[in-house]
């Protein structure tokens, strides 16, 4: 899963977002540690990207900060691979594209 560059990029952005969210709320690492039950060391390592985030860590942190999880994770939107069916009228006919690519049909 880490081989996917978009996943790696999302994970890299979590650390600075966590720090910004905490600082924006004016909460110290010690205060956040008390509120979440997560050690200050672990919180510090999360914010400096020395530890990979997990849901077990992110859920109590975002709850304590009052920040939605998706604001911290902010994963890229997954594009629907299906072709949107936008009919085109031409020559009295209605055409629906079956592929993004025009031309001959191809099998891969």
Protein backbone atom coordinates (compact mmCIF):
# COMPACT_ATOMS: atom_id res chain seq x y z
CA UNK A 1 0.00 0.00 0.00
CA UNK A 2 2.91 2.37 0.67
CA UNK A 3 4.11 1.75 -2.89
CA UNK A 4 1.32 4.00 -4.14
CA UNK A 5 2.80 7.52 -4.40
CA UNK A 6 -0.52 9.17 -3.57
CA UNK A 7 -0.80 7.18 -0.32
CA UNK A 8 2.75 8.13 0.64
CA UNK A 9 2.06 11.78 -0.11
CA UNK A 10 -1.08 11.73 2.03
CA UNK A 11 0.77 10.13 4.96
CA UNK A 12 3.60 12.69 4.70
CA UNK A 13 1.11 15.54 5.05
CA UNK A 14 -0.50 14.19 8.23
CA UNK A 15 2.38 15.22 10.52
CA UNK A 16 2.35 18.95 9.68
CA UNK A 17 -1.45 19.02 9.69
CA UNK A 18 -1.53 17.49 13.17
CA UNK A 19 0.92 20.09 14.46
CA UNK A 20 -0.97 22.97 12.83
CA UNK A 21 -4.30 21.76 14.24
CA UNK A 22 -2.86 21.44 17.75
CA UNK A 23 -1.14 24.83 17.63
CA UNK A 24 -4.24 26.49 16.18
CA UNK A 25 -6.23 25.26 19.20
CA UNK A 26 -3.48 26.50 21.53
CA UNK A 27 -2.94 23.05 23.03
CA UNK A 28 0.47 21.85 24.22
CA UNK A 29 1.74 18.32 23.64
CA UNK A 30 1.39 17.64 27.37
CA UNK A 31 -2.24 18.82 27.38
CA UNK A 32 -3.04 16.72 24.33
CA UNK A 33 -1.32 13.73 25.93
CA UNK A 34 -3.51 14.07 29.03
CA UNK A 35 -6.67 14.45 26.92
CA UNK A 36 -5.94 11.44 24.70
CA UNK A 37 -3.95 9.06 26.88
CA UNK A 38 -1.23 9.04 24.22
CA UNK A 39 2.29 9.79 25.47
CA UNK A 40 3.91 13.13 24.66
CA UNK A 41 6.74 11.18 23.04
CA UNK A 42 4.35 9.44 20.64
CA UNK A 43 2.55 12.70 19.85
CA UNK A 44 5.88 14.41 19.19
CA UNK A 45 7.01 11.59 16.90
CA UNK A 46 3.70 11.75 15.00
CA UNK A 47 4.08 15.50 14.48
CA UNK A 48 7.67 15.14 13.30
CA UNK A 49 6.80 12.23 10.96
CA UNK A 50 9.06 9.86 12.90
CA UNK A 51 6.09 7.58 13.53
CA UNK A 52 3.43 6.49 11.06
CA UNK A 53 -0.07 7.49 12.06
CA UNK A 54 -2.77 4.90 12.68
CA UNK A 55 -6.48 5.23 13.26
CA UNK A 56 -5.94 4.15 16.87
CA UNK A 57 -3.84 7.27 17.33
CA UNK A 58 -5.59 9.70 14.99
CA UNK A 59 -9.14 9.17 16.25
CA UNK A 60 -8.53 10.25 19.86
CA UNK A 61 -6.28 13.10 18.74
CA UNK A 62 -8.81 14.55 16.31
CA UNK A 63 -11.60 14.08 18.88
CA UNK A 64 -9.60 15.93 21.55
CA UNK A 65 -8.79 18.75 19.14
CA UNK A 66 -12.34 18.92 17.80
CA UNK A 67 -11.07 18.51 14.26
CA UNK A 68 -12.63 16.17 11.69
CA UNK A 69 -10.39 13.25 10.76
CA UNK A 70 -10.66 14.04 7.05
CA UNK A 71 -9.19 17.49 7.72
CA UNK A 72 -6.02 15.83 9.02
CA UNK A 73 -5.87 12.98 6.52
CA UNK A 74 -7.24 14.92 3.54
CA UNK A 75 -6.82 12.01 1.14
CA UNK A 76 -7.08 12.85 -2.54
CA UNK A 77 -10.51 12.33 -3.99
CA UNK A 78 -10.76 9.06 -5.85
CA UNK A 79 -11.94 9.62 -9.38
CA UNK A 80 -14.70 7.37 -10.63
CA UNK A 81 -13.06 5.28 -13.37
CA UNK A 82 -16.33 4.94 -15.23
CA UNK A 83 -16.99 7.28 -18.12
CA UNK A 84 -19.68 9.78 -17.26
CA UNK A 85 -22.56 9.13 -19.56
CA UNK A 86 -23.14 12.40 -21.32
CA UNK A 87 -25.19 11.73 -24.42
CA UNK A 88 -24.34 13.59 -27.58
CA UNK A 89 -26.88 14.19 -30.31
CA UNK A 90 -25.60 14.00 -33.84
CA UNK A 91 -27.40 13.33 -37.09
CA UNK A 92 -30.66 12.61 -35.30
CA UNK A 93 -28.97 9.98 -33.13
CA UNK A 94 -28.08 9.94 -29.48
CA UNK A 95 -24.58 8.61 -28.78
CA UNK A 96 -23.28 7.44 -25.41
CA UNK A 97 -19.50 7.07 -25.06
CA UNK A 98 -18.36 3.68 -23.81
CA UNK A 99 -14.72 4.69 -23.44
CA UNK A 100 -12.66 7.79 -22.75
CA UNK A 101 -10.66 7.05 -25.87
CA UNK A 102 -12.06 7.60 -29.31
CA UNK A 103 -11.17 5.35 -32.18
CA UNK A 104 -11.02 1.61 -32.54
CA UNK A 105 -12.03 -0.65 -29.71
CA UNK A 106 -9.03 -2.05 -27.84
CA UNK A 107 -8.61 -4.81 -25.35
CA UNK A 108 -5.86 -4.63 -22.76
